[in-house]
Amino acid sequence: MDVMSTEEVLADVGPRLRRIRKDREVTLAALSEATGISVSTLSRLESGLRKPSLELLLPIAQAHQVPLDELVGAPPVGDPRVRSRPIVWGGRTHWPLTRQPGGLQAYKVLEPQRKQEPEPRTHEGYEWLYVLSGRLRLVLGEHDVVLTAGEAAEFDTRVPHWFGSTGEGPVEFLSLFGPQGERMHVRARPRGA
């Protein structure tokens, strides 16, 4: 994919402004009245004699009711979907939800129905869990809790911990893990608010 220089992008703005205006059958005078920008400035913008600026492009975008990206010809954004292959380890199916290596990692996890004896472990990092469906048992230090759909937990993984199925059915959850101890910041309204 070719990356256009700033000069090339700016050179294309004038002809694009003219095409959008003509497609809408708007005169320079009418656009001037709608934007408060003089006819001569609009004409110079369209001919490439005036460098486009945000102060000039914002009112034009508002007058034409188009996104600013359409005026400047912003490159299309790549496909934002994360397509990953499931990974099965430890009896769980993990779908990686992040593309970049290192740093915070996100997974969608499906834990099958099974009864297990918790074996708490410790390691560097910080984890955040969010239950999508089912019931997730979390043993964390002295705590032994069951999280249900819509509930979340976050903890330092240096505290002995284990999580898995309650044995009452499968559980599907999201896991965000920061191997260097990065913390997730979750803002939520307290229950009953």
N, C-alpha and C. Protein backbone atom coordinates (compact mmCIF):
# COMPACT_ATOMS: atom_id res chain seq x y z
N MET A 1 0.84 -1.18 0.00
CA MET A 1 0.00 0.00 0.00
C MET A 1 0.89 1.24 0.00
N ASP A 2 0.69 2.13 -0.98
CA ASP A 2 1.48 3.35 -1.07
C ASP A 2 1.00 4.35 -0.04
N VAL A 3 1.95 4.99 0.63
CA VAL A 3 1.62 6.03 1.59
C VAL A 3 1.89 7.37 0.92
N MET A 4 0.86 8.21 0.89
CA MET A 4 1.01 9.52 0.26
C MET A 4 1.70 10.48 1.22
N SER A 5 2.51 11.37 0.65
CA SER A 5 3.15 12.38 1.47
C SER A 5 2.10 13.43 1.85
N THR A 6 2.43 14.23 2.84
CA THR A 6 1.53 15.31 3.28
C THR A 6 1.25 16.26 2.13
N GLU A 7 2.28 16.58 1.34
CA GLU A 7 2.11 17.49 0.21
C GLU A 7 1.12 16.93 -0.82
N GLU A 8 1.22 15.61 -1.09
CA GLU A 8 0.32 14.98 -2.05
C GLU A 8 -1.12 15.00 -1.54
N VAL A 9 -1.29 14.72 -0.25
CA VAL A 9 -2.64 14.74 0.34
C VAL A 9 -3.22 16.14 0.24
N LEU A 10 -2.43 17.17 0.60
CA LEU A 10 -2.91 18.56 0.56
C LEU A 10 -3.21 19.00 -0.86
N ALA A 11 -2.42 18.53 -1.84
CA ALA A 11 -2.65 18.91 -3.24
C ALA A 11 -3.98 18.36 -3.76
N ASP A 12 -4.43 17.26 -3.21
CA ASP A 12 -5.68 16.64 -3.65
C ASP A 12 -6.92 17.28 -2.99
N VAL A 13 -6.71 18.06 -1.93
CA VAL A 13 -7.85 18.63 -1.20
C VAL A 13 -8.64 19.61 -2.07
N GLY A 14 -7.97 20.51 -2.77
CA GLY A 14 -8.66 21.52 -3.59
C GLY A 14 -9.61 20.91 -4.62
N PRO A 15 -9.10 20.01 -5.47
CA PRO A 15 -9.99 19.37 -6.44
C PRO A 15 -11.14 18.60 -5.79
N ARG A 16 -10.87 17.99 -4.65
CA ARG A 16 -11.92 17.25 -3.93
C ARG A 16 -12.99 18.22 -3.43
N LEU A 17 -12.57 19.38 -2.89
CA LEU A 17 -13.53 20.39 -2.42
C LEU A 17 -14.42 20.86 -3.57
N ARG A 18 -13.79 21.11 -4.72
CA ARG A 18 -14.56 21.56 -5.90
C ARG A 18 -15.56 20.48 -6.33
N ARG A 19 -15.11 19.22 -6.40
CA ARG A 19 -15.99 18.13 -6.83
C ARG A 19 -17.17 17.98 -5.88
N ILE A 20 -16.92 18.01 -4.57
CA ILE A 20 -18.01 17.86 -3.59
C ILE A 20 -19.01 19.01 -3.73
N ARG A 21 -18.49 20.22 -3.88
CA ARG A 21 -19.37 21.39 -4.01
C ARG A 21 -20.21 21.29 -5.28
N LYS A 22 -19.57 20.93 -6.41
CA LYS A 22 -20.29 20.83 -7.69
C LYS A 22 -21.30 19.68 -7.67
N ASP A 23 -20.93 18.54 -7.04
CA ASP A 23 -21.86 17.40 -6.92
C ASP A 23 -23.13 17.80 -6.18
N ARG A 24 -22.98 18.75 -5.25
CA ARG A 24 -24.12 19.20 -4.47
C ARG A 24 -24.81 20.41 -5.11
N GLU A 25 -24.28 20.83 -6.25
CA GLU A 25 -24.82 21.97 -6.99
C GLU A 25 -24.91 23.23 -6.13
N VAL A 26 -23.79 23.49 -5.43
CA VAL A 26 -23.69 24.66 -4.55
C VAL A 26 -22.72 25.65 -5.19
N THR A 27 -23.09 26.92 -5.23
CA THR A 27 -22.20 27.95 -5.78
C THR A 27 -21.19 28.37 -4.72
N LEU A 28 -20.10 28.98 -5.17
CA LEU A 28 -19.12 29.52 -4.22
C LEU A 28 -19.78 30.55 -3.30
N ALA A 29 -20.68 31.37 -3.87
CA ALA A 29 -21.36 32.40 -3.07
C ALA A 29 -22.22 31.75 -1.98
N ALA A 30 -22.93 30.70 -2.32
CA ALA A 30 -23.79 30.03 -1.33
C ALA A 30 -22.93 29.37 -0.25
N LEU A 31 -21.82 28.77 -0.65
CA LEU A 31 -20.93 28.13 0.33
C LEU A 31 -20.29 29.19 1.22
N SER A 32 -19.96 30.34 0.64
CA SER A 32 -19.40 31.44 1.41
C SER A 32 -20.38 31.90 2.48
N GLU A 33 -21.64 32.03 2.09
CA GLU A 33 -22.67 32.46 3.03
C GLU A 33 -22.85 31.42 4.15
N ALA A 34 -22.80 30.13 3.81
CA ALA A 34 -23.01 29.08 4.80
C ALA A 34 -21.83 28.93 5.75
N THR A 35 -20.62 29.25 5.28
CA THR A 35 -19.43 29.01 6.10
C THR A 35 -18.83 30.27 6.71
N GLY A 36 -19.13 31.42 6.13
CA GLY A 36 -18.50 32.65 6.61
C GLY A 36 -17.11 32.83 6.04
N ILE A 37 -16.73 32.00 5.07
CA ILE A 37 -15.42 32.10 4.42
C ILE A 37 -15.63 32.86 3.10
N SER A 38 -14.75 33.80 2.80
CA SER A 38 -14.93 34.63 1.60
C SER A 38 -14.89 33.78 0.33
N VAL A 39 -15.55 34.26 -0.72
CA VAL A 39 -15.59 33.57 -2.01
C VAL A 39 -14.17 33.42 -2.55
N SER A 40 -13.35 34.48 -2.40
CA SER A 40 -11.99 34.42 -2.94
C SER A 40 -11.16 33.35 -2.21
N THR A 41 -11.33 33.23 -0.90
CA THR A 41 -10.60 32.20 -0.15
C THR A 41 -11.05 30.81 -0.58
N LEU A 42 -12.36 30.62 -0.74
CA LEU A 42 -12.88 29.32 -1.18
C LEU A 42 -12.35 28.99 -2.57
N SER A 43 -12.32 29.96 -3.46
CA SER A 43 -11.82 29.76 -4.82
C SER A 43 -10.34 29.37 -4.79
N ARG A 44 -9.55 30.07 -3.98
CA ARG A 44 -8.12 29.76 -3.87
C ARG A 44 -7.90 28.38 -3.25
N LEU A 45 -8.75 27.99 -2.30
CA LEU A 45 -8.65 26.64 -1.72
C LEU A 45 -8.88 25.59 -2.81
N GLU A 46 -9.93 25.77 -3.60
CA GLU A 46 -10.28 24.80 -4.63
C GLU A 46 -9.23 24.72 -5.73
N SER A 47 -8.57 25.83 -6.03
CA SER A 47 -7.57 25.84 -7.10
C SER A 47 -6.19 25.45 -6.59
N GLY A 48 -6.04 25.27 -5.29
CA GLY A 48 -4.76 24.87 -4.73
C GLY A 48 -3.84 26.03 -4.42
N LEU A 49 -4.33 27.27 -4.57
CA LEU A 49 -3.50 28.44 -4.29
C LEU A 49 -3.49 28.80 -2.81
N ARG A 50 -4.39 28.20 -2.04
CA ARG A 50 -4.44 28.45 -0.59
C ARG A 50 -4.31 27.10 0.10
N LYS A 51 -3.43 27.04 1.07
CA LYS A 51 -3.21 25.79 1.81
C LYS A 51 -4.40 25.54 2.73
N PRO A 52 -4.99 24.33 2.68
CA PRO A 52 -6.13 24.03 3.56
C PRO A 52 -5.70 23.98 5.02
N SER A 53 -6.56 24.47 5.87
CA SER A 53 -6.30 24.42 7.31
C SER A 53 -7.57 23.90 7.99
N LEU A 54 -7.43 23.47 9.20
CA LEU A 54 -8.57 22.96 9.96
C LEU A 54 -9.64 24.03 10.13
N GLU A 55 -9.21 25.29 10.34
CA GLU A 55 -10.16 26.39 10.52
C GLU A 55 -11.02 26.61 9.27
N LEU A 56 -10.48 26.29 8.10
CA LEU A 56 -11.24 26.44 6.86
C LEU A 56 -12.03 25.17 6.52
N LEU A 57 -11.44 24.02 6.77
CA LEU A 57 -12.09 22.76 6.37
C LEU A 57 -13.27 22.37 7.27
N LEU A 58 -13.19 22.68 8.56
CA LEU A 58 -14.30 22.31 9.46
C LEU A 58 -15.63 22.95 9.06
N PRO A 59 -15.67 24.28 8.81
CA PRO A 59 -16.96 24.86 8.40
C PRO A 59 -17.45 24.32 7.05
N ILE A 60 -16.51 24.00 6.15
CA ILE A 60 -16.91 23.46 4.84
C ILE A 60 -17.51 22.06 5.04
N ALA A 61 -16.87 21.26 5.86
CA ALA A 61 -17.40 19.91 6.14
C ALA A 61 -18.79 20.01 6.76
N GLN A 62 -18.98 20.95 7.69
CA GLN A 62 -20.29 21.13 8.32
C GLN A 62 -21.34 21.60 7.31
N ALA A 63 -20.95 22.50 6.43
CA ALA A 63 -21.89 23.01 5.43
C ALA A 63 -22.32 21.91 4.47
N HIS A 64 -21.38 21.05 4.07
CA HIS A 64 -21.70 19.95 3.15
C HIS A 64 -22.25 18.72 3.89
N GLN A 65 -22.18 18.76 5.20
CA GLN A 65 -22.61 17.63 6.05
C GLN A 65 -21.88 16.34 5.66
N VAL A 66 -20.55 16.45 5.60
CA VAL A 66 -19.70 15.30 5.32
C VAL A 66 -18.61 15.24 6.39
N PRO A 67 -18.09 14.05 6.64
CA PRO A 67 -16.98 13.95 7.59
C PRO A 67 -15.74 14.65 7.05
N LEU A 68 -14.95 15.19 7.92
CA LEU A 68 -13.72 15.86 7.54
C LEU A 68 -12.82 14.93 6.72
N ASP A 69 -12.83 13.64 7.05
CA ASP A 69 -12.03 12.66 6.31
C ASP A 69 -12.35 12.69 4.81
N GLU A 70 -13.62 12.93 4.47
CA GLU A 70 -14.01 12.94 3.06
C GLU A 70 -13.40 14.13 2.34
N LEU A 71 -13.23 15.25 3.03
CA LEU A 71 -12.64 16.43 2.40
C LEU A 71 -11.15 16.26 2.15
N VAL A 72 -10.47 15.62 3.08
CA VAL A 72 -9.01 15.50 2.94
C VAL A 72 -8.60 14.18 2.31
N GLY A 73 -9.55 13.29 2.10
CA GLY A 73 -9.21 12.01 1.47
C GLY A 73 -8.35 11.15 2.37
N ALA A 74 -8.74 11.07 3.62
CA ALA A 74 -7.99 10.25 4.57
C ALA A 74 -7.92 8.82 4.06
N PRO A 75 -6.78 8.16 4.26
CA PRO A 75 -6.67 6.79 3.77
C PRO A 75 -7.66 5.89 4.50
N PRO A 76 -8.15 4.89 3.81
CA PRO A 76 -9.10 4.00 4.46
C PRO A 76 -8.42 3.27 5.62
N VAL A 77 -9.18 3.07 6.66
CA VAL A 77 -8.68 2.34 7.82
C VAL A 77 -8.71 0.86 7.48
N GLY A 78 -7.69 0.15 7.88
CA GLY A 78 -7.65 -1.29 7.63
C GLY A 78 -8.77 -2.00 8.38
N ASP A 79 -8.99 -3.22 8.01
CA ASP A 79 -10.02 -4.04 8.64
C ASP A 79 -9.71 -4.14 10.13
N PRO A 80 -10.59 -3.63 10.99
CA PRO A 80 -10.29 -3.62 12.43
C PRO A 80 -10.54 -4.96 13.12
N ARG A 81 -11.16 -5.89 12.39
CA ARG A 81 -11.49 -7.16 13.04
C ARG A 81 -10.24 -7.97 13.34
N VAL A 82 -10.23 -8.60 14.48
CA VAL A 82 -9.15 -9.49 14.86
C VAL A 82 -9.62 -10.90 14.52
N ARG A 83 -8.93 -11.49 13.58
CA ARG A 83 -9.28 -12.87 13.19
C ARG A 83 -8.18 -13.77 13.71
N SER A 84 -8.52 -14.56 14.68
CA SER A 84 -7.50 -15.43 15.26
C SER A 84 -8.02 -16.86 15.30
N ARG A 85 -7.09 -17.75 15.33
CA ARG A 85 -7.43 -19.16 15.44
C ARG A 85 -7.47 -19.52 16.91
N PRO A 86 -8.45 -20.34 17.29
CA PRO A 86 -8.51 -20.75 18.69
C PRO A 86 -7.31 -21.61 19.06
N ILE A 87 -6.91 -21.43 20.30
CA ILE A 87 -5.80 -22.21 20.85
C ILE A 87 -6.37 -23.00 22.02
N VAL A 88 -6.12 -24.29 22.04
CA VAL A 88 -6.58 -25.12 23.16
C VAL A 88 -5.37 -25.45 24.01
N TRP A 89 -5.43 -25.03 25.28
CA TRP A 89 -4.39 -25.43 26.22
C TRP A 89 -5.00 -25.56 27.59
N GLY A 90 -4.55 -26.56 28.29
CA GLY A 90 -5.09 -26.84 29.63
C GLY A 90 -6.57 -27.19 29.60
N GLY A 91 -7.07 -27.71 28.47
CA GLY A 91 -8.48 -28.07 28.37
C GLY A 91 -9.39 -26.89 28.05
N ARG A 92 -8.84 -25.68 28.00
CA ARG A 92 -9.62 -24.48 27.68
C ARG A 92 -9.37 -24.07 26.24
N THR A 93 -10.37 -23.43 25.62
CA THR A 93 -10.19 -22.87 24.29
C THR A 93 -10.03 -21.36 24.44
N HIS A 94 -8.92 -20.85 23.92
CA HIS A 94 -8.60 -19.42 23.99
C HIS A 94 -8.63 -18.82 22.59
N TRP A 95 -9.31 -17.69 22.44
CA TRP A 95 -9.27 -16.93 21.20
C TRP A 95 -8.52 -15.64 21.48
N PRO A 96 -7.31 -15.47 20.94
CA PRO A 96 -6.58 -14.22 21.16
C PRO A 96 -7.35 -13.05 20.54
N LEU A 97 -7.48 -11.95 21.28
CA LEU A 97 -8.20 -10.77 20.82
C LEU A 97 -7.28 -9.59 20.57
N THR A 98 -5.99 -9.81 20.75
CA THR A 98 -5.01 -8.76 20.48
C THR A 98 -4.02 -9.28 19.45
N ARG A 99 -3.49 -8.36 18.66
CA ARG A 99 -2.58 -8.76 17.59
C ARG A 99 -1.11 -8.58 17.96
N GLN A 100 -0.82 -7.57 18.75
CA GLN A 100 0.57 -7.24 19.01
C GLN A 100 1.14 -8.13 20.12
N PRO A 101 2.41 -8.49 19.97
CA PRO A 101 3.04 -9.29 21.03
C PRO A 101 3.41 -8.39 22.21
N GLY A 102 3.50 -8.98 23.38
CA GLY A 102 3.89 -8.24 24.57
C GLY A 102 2.79 -7.33 25.07
N GLY A 103 3.02 -6.72 26.21
CA GLY A 103 2.03 -5.80 26.78
C GLY A 103 0.74 -6.51 27.16
N LEU A 104 -0.32 -5.73 27.25
CA LEU A 104 -1.62 -6.30 27.61
C LEU A 104 -2.10 -7.26 26.54
N GLN A 105 -2.59 -8.40 26.98
CA GLN A 105 -3.13 -9.42 26.09
C GLN A 105 -4.57 -9.68 26.47
N ALA A 106 -5.43 -9.83 25.45
CA ALA A 106 -6.85 -10.10 25.69
C ALA A 106 -7.21 -11.43 25.05
N TYR A 107 -8.04 -12.20 25.75
CA TYR A 107 -8.50 -13.49 25.25
C TYR A 107 -9.97 -13.66 25.57
N LYS A 108 -10.67 -14.33 24.67
CA LYS A 108 -11.99 -14.86 24.98
C LYS A 108 -11.72 -16.32 25.29
N VAL A 109 -12.27 -16.81 26.40
CA VAL A 109 -11.95 -18.16 26.86
C VAL A 109 -13.24 -18.95 27.06
N LEU A 110 -13.21 -20.20 26.62
CA LEU A 110 -14.32 -21.12 26.87
C LEU A 110 -13.77 -22.27 27.70
N GLU A 111 -14.29 -22.37 28.91
CA GLU A 111 -13.91 -23.43 29.84
C GLU A 111 -15.04 -24.45 29.83
N PRO A 112 -14.75 -25.72 29.49
CA PRO A 112 -15.82 -26.72 29.46
C PRO A 112 -16.30 -27.06 30.88
N GLN A 113 -17.46 -27.68 30.93
CA GLN A 113 -17.96 -28.13 32.23
C GLN A 113 -17.03 -29.24 32.72
N ARG A 114 -16.46 -29.02 33.87
CA ARG A 114 -15.62 -30.05 34.50
C ARG A 114 -15.39 -29.68 35.95
N LYS A 115 -15.26 -30.69 36.75
CA LYS A 115 -15.00 -30.49 38.18
C LYS A 115 -13.50 -30.64 38.38
N GLN A 116 -12.88 -29.60 38.92
CA GLN A 116 -11.43 -29.63 39.14
C GLN A 116 -11.12 -29.22 40.57
N GLU A 117 -10.05 -29.75 41.05
CA GLU A 117 -9.55 -29.32 42.35
C GLU A 117 -8.64 -28.12 42.09
N PRO A 118 -8.93 -26.96 42.70
CA PRO A 118 -8.10 -25.77 42.45
C PRO A 118 -6.64 -26.00 42.84
N GLU A 119 -5.74 -25.54 41.99
CA GLU A 119 -4.31 -25.56 42.26
C GLU A 119 -3.79 -24.14 42.08
N PRO A 120 -3.96 -23.28 43.13
CA PRO A 120 -3.53 -21.89 42.99
C PRO A 120 -2.05 -21.76 42.64
N ARG A 121 -1.76 -20.80 41.78
CA ARG A 121 -0.38 -20.52 41.34
C ARG A 121 -0.14 -19.02 41.43
N THR A 122 1.12 -18.65 41.35
CA THR A 122 1.49 -17.23 41.32
C THR A 122 2.44 -17.00 40.15
N HIS A 123 2.44 -15.79 39.64
CA HIS A 123 3.38 -15.37 38.60
C HIS A 123 3.29 -13.86 38.49
N GLU A 124 4.23 -13.26 37.79
CA GLU A 124 4.21 -11.82 37.59
C GLU A 124 3.02 -11.44 36.72
N GLY A 125 2.43 -10.30 36.99
CA GLY A 125 1.39 -9.79 36.11
C GLY A 125 0.17 -9.31 36.86
N TYR A 126 -0.84 -8.96 36.08
CA TYR A 126 -2.10 -8.45 36.60
C TYR A 126 -3.18 -8.95 35.67
N GLU A 127 -4.30 -9.45 36.21
CA GLU A 127 -5.34 -10.04 35.38
C GLU A 127 -6.69 -9.43 35.69
N TRP A 128 -7.49 -9.36 34.63
CA TRP A 128 -8.87 -8.88 34.73
C TRP A 128 -9.73 -9.90 34.03
N LEU A 129 -10.80 -10.35 34.69
CA LEU A 129 -11.72 -11.35 34.13
C LEU A 129 -13.12 -10.77 34.06
N TYR A 130 -13.84 -11.10 32.98
CA TYR A 130 -15.22 -10.67 32.83
C TYR A 130 -16.02 -11.86 32.30
N VAL A 131 -17.05 -12.28 33.03
CA VAL A 131 -17.83 -13.46 32.66
C VAL A 131 -18.91 -13.07 31.66
N LEU A 132 -18.89 -13.76 30.50
CA LEU A 132 -19.89 -13.56 29.46
C LEU A 132 -21.11 -14.45 29.69
N SER A 133 -20.86 -15.71 30.02
CA SER A 133 -21.96 -16.64 30.30
C SER A 133 -21.44 -17.76 31.19
N GLY A 134 -22.35 -18.35 31.94
CA GLY A 134 -21.97 -19.43 32.85
C GLY A 134 -21.52 -18.89 34.19
N ARG A 135 -20.82 -19.76 34.93
CA ARG A 135 -20.35 -19.43 36.27
C ARG A 135 -18.87 -19.76 36.36
N LEU A 136 -18.08 -18.78 36.79
CA LEU A 136 -16.63 -18.95 36.89
C LEU A 136 -16.21 -18.94 38.34
N ARG A 137 -15.55 -20.01 38.77
CA ARG A 137 -15.04 -20.07 40.14
C ARG A 137 -13.66 -19.44 40.17
N LEU A 138 -13.47 -18.53 41.12
CA LEU A 138 -12.18 -17.85 41.29
C LEU A 138 -11.71 -18.06 42.72
N VAL A 139 -10.55 -18.67 42.84
CA VAL A 139 -9.89 -18.82 44.14
C VAL A 139 -8.73 -17.84 44.12
N LEU A 140 -8.75 -16.88 45.05
CA LEU A 140 -7.75 -15.82 45.09
C LEU A 140 -7.35 -15.61 46.54
N GLY A 141 -6.14 -16.05 46.87
CA GLY A 141 -5.72 -15.95 48.26
C GLY A 141 -6.68 -16.73 49.14
N GLU A 142 -7.28 -16.05 50.11
CA GLU A 142 -8.22 -16.68 51.03
C GLU A 142 -9.66 -16.67 50.50
N HIS A 143 -9.88 -16.04 49.37
CA HIS A 143 -11.23 -15.91 48.81
C HIS A 143 -11.54 -17.06 47.85
N ASP A 144 -12.78 -17.53 47.90
CA ASP A 144 -13.28 -18.55 46.97
C ASP A 144 -14.66 -18.05 46.55
N VAL A 145 -14.75 -17.45 45.34
CA VAL A 145 -15.99 -16.82 44.91
C VAL A 145 -16.43 -17.38 43.56
N VAL A 146 -17.70 -17.21 43.26
CA VAL A 146 -18.25 -17.59 41.97
C VAL A 146 -18.74 -16.32 41.28
N LEU A 147 -18.22 -16.08 40.08
CA LEU A 147 -18.63 -14.93 39.27
C LEU A 147 -19.65 -15.41 38.24
N THR A 148 -20.70 -14.62 38.04
CA THR A 148 -21.72 -14.96 37.05
C THR A 148 -21.69 -13.94 35.92
N ALA A 149 -22.48 -14.19 34.89
CA ALA A 149 -22.49 -13.33 33.70
C ALA A 149 -22.63 -11.86 34.09
N GLY A 150 -21.74 -11.04 33.55
CA GLY A 150 -21.76 -9.60 33.82
C GLY A 150 -20.88 -9.18 34.97
N GLU A 151 -20.30 -10.13 35.68
CA GLU A 151 -19.42 -9.77 36.80
C GLU A 151 -17.96 -9.82 36.36
N ALA A 152 -17.15 -8.99 37.01
CA ALA A 152 -15.73 -8.89 36.69
C ALA A 152 -14.91 -8.98 37.97
N ALA A 153 -13.67 -9.37 37.79
CA ALA A 153 -12.71 -9.41 38.90
C ALA A 153 -11.37 -8.98 38.34
N GLU A 154 -10.58 -8.32 39.18
CA GLU A 154 -9.22 -7.97 38.79
C GLU A 154 -8.30 -8.24 39.97
N PHE A 155 -7.07 -8.68 39.66
CA PHE A 155 -6.18 -9.04 40.74
C PHE A 155 -4.73 -9.09 40.27
N ASP A 156 -3.85 -8.94 41.25
CA ASP A 156 -2.41 -9.06 41.05
C ASP A 156 -2.12 -10.56 41.02
N THR A 157 -1.47 -11.04 39.96
CA THR A 157 -1.25 -12.48 39.82
C THR A 157 -0.12 -13.01 40.71
N ARG A 158 0.48 -12.12 41.50
CA ARG A 158 1.45 -12.60 42.49
C ARG A 158 0.73 -13.16 43.72
N VAL A 159 -0.60 -12.90 43.80
CA VAL A 159 -1.42 -13.51 44.85
C VAL A 159 -1.80 -14.90 44.34
N PRO A 160 -1.67 -15.95 45.16
CA PRO A 160 -2.04 -17.29 44.70
C PRO A 160 -3.48 -17.29 44.17
N HIS A 161 -3.65 -17.79 42.94
CA HIS A 161 -4.97 -17.74 42.30
C HIS A 161 -5.19 -18.96 41.41
N TRP A 162 -6.48 -19.22 41.16
CA TRP A 162 -6.93 -20.27 40.24
C TRP A 162 -8.33 -19.89 39.80
N PHE A 163 -8.67 -20.15 38.55
CA PHE A 163 -10.05 -19.95 38.11
C PHE A 163 -10.41 -21.03 37.11
N GLY A 164 -11.69 -21.39 37.13
CA GLY A 164 -12.17 -22.43 36.22
C GLY A 164 -13.65 -22.67 36.40
N SER A 165 -14.10 -23.75 35.80
CA SER A 165 -15.52 -24.13 35.83
C SER A 165 -15.94 -24.50 37.25
N THR A 166 -17.20 -24.23 37.55
CA THR A 166 -17.75 -24.65 38.84
C THR A 166 -18.17 -26.11 38.79
N GLY A 167 -18.14 -26.69 37.59
CA GLY A 167 -18.60 -28.07 37.41
C GLY A 167 -20.08 -28.14 37.07
N GLU A 168 -20.74 -26.98 37.03
CA GLU A 168 -22.19 -26.92 36.79
C GLU A 168 -22.51 -26.62 35.33
N GLY A 169 -21.51 -26.44 34.50
CA GLY A 169 -21.73 -26.12 33.10
C GLY A 169 -20.52 -25.38 32.56
N PRO A 170 -20.47 -25.16 31.24
CA PRO A 170 -19.34 -24.42 30.68
C PRO A 170 -19.42 -22.95 31.09
N VAL A 171 -18.29 -22.27 31.00
CA VAL A 171 -18.24 -20.85 31.30
C VAL A 171 -17.43 -20.16 30.20
N GLU A 172 -17.95 -19.02 29.75
CA GLU A 172 -17.28 -18.23 28.73
C GLU A 172 -16.92 -16.89 29.36
N PHE A 173 -15.65 -16.48 29.21
CA PHE A 173 -15.23 -15.23 29.84
C PHE A 173 -14.14 -14.56 29.04
N LEU A 174 -13.94 -13.28 29.33
CA LEU A 174 -12.85 -12.51 28.75
C LEU A 174 -11.74 -12.40 29.78
N SER A 175 -10.51 -12.51 29.31
CA SER A 175 -9.36 -12.38 30.19
C SER A 175 -8.42 -11.34 29.60
N LEU A 176 -8.08 -10.33 30.39
CA LEU A 176 -7.07 -9.36 30.00
C LEU A 176 -5.91 -9.54 30.96
N PHE A 177 -4.74 -9.75 30.39
CA PHE A 177 -3.58 -10.05 31.22
C PHE A 177 -2.43 -9.14 30.85
N GLY A 178 -1.84 -8.53 31.87
CA GLY A 178 -0.65 -7.70 31.69
C GLY A 178 0.53 -8.39 32.34
N PRO A 179 1.46 -8.94 31.55
CA PRO A 179 2.57 -9.70 32.12
C PRO A 179 3.53 -8.86 32.96
N GLN A 180 3.58 -7.58 32.74
CA GLN A 180 4.48 -6.72 33.51
C GLN A 180 3.77 -6.00 34.64
N GLY A 181 2.56 -6.42 34.94
CA GLY A 181 1.83 -5.79 36.03
C GLY A 181 1.00 -4.60 35.59
N GLU A 182 0.83 -4.41 34.25
CA GLU A 182 -0.02 -3.31 33.80
C GLU A 182 -1.42 -3.53 34.36
N ARG A 183 -2.08 -2.48 34.73
CA ARG A 183 -3.41 -2.59 35.31
C ARG A 183 -4.44 -2.05 34.35
N MET A 184 -5.58 -2.72 34.31
CA MET A 184 -6.70 -2.25 33.52
C MET A 184 -7.44 -1.23 34.38
N HIS A 185 -8.02 -0.23 33.75
CA HIS A 185 -8.81 0.75 34.48
C HIS A 185 -10.25 0.59 34.03
N VAL A 186 -11.08 0.12 34.94
CA VAL A 186 -12.48 -0.10 34.64
C VAL A 186 -13.30 0.90 35.41
N ARG A 187 -14.15 1.63 34.70
CA ARG A 187 -15.03 2.57 35.36
C ARG A 187 -16.43 1.99 35.24
N ALA A 188 -17.05 1.75 36.36
CA ALA A 188 -18.38 1.17 36.36
C ALA A 188 -19.21 1.83 37.44
N ARG A 189 -20.50 1.89 37.19
CA ARG A 189 -21.41 2.45 38.18
C ARG A 189 -21.63 1.37 39.23
N PRO A 190 -21.58 1.70 40.52
CA PRO A 190 -21.81 0.70 41.55
C PRO A 190 -23.24 0.15 41.48
N ARG A 191 -23.40 -1.08 41.95
CA ARG A 191 -24.73 -1.68 41.97
C ARG A 191 -25.69 -0.81 42.74
N GLY A 192 -26.91 -0.73 42.23
CA GLY A 192 -27.95 0.04 42.91
C GLY A 192 -27.90 1.51 42.57
N ALA A 193 -26.91 1.94 41.77
CA ALA A 193 -26.82 3.36 41.43
C ALA A 193 -27.73 3.67 40.27
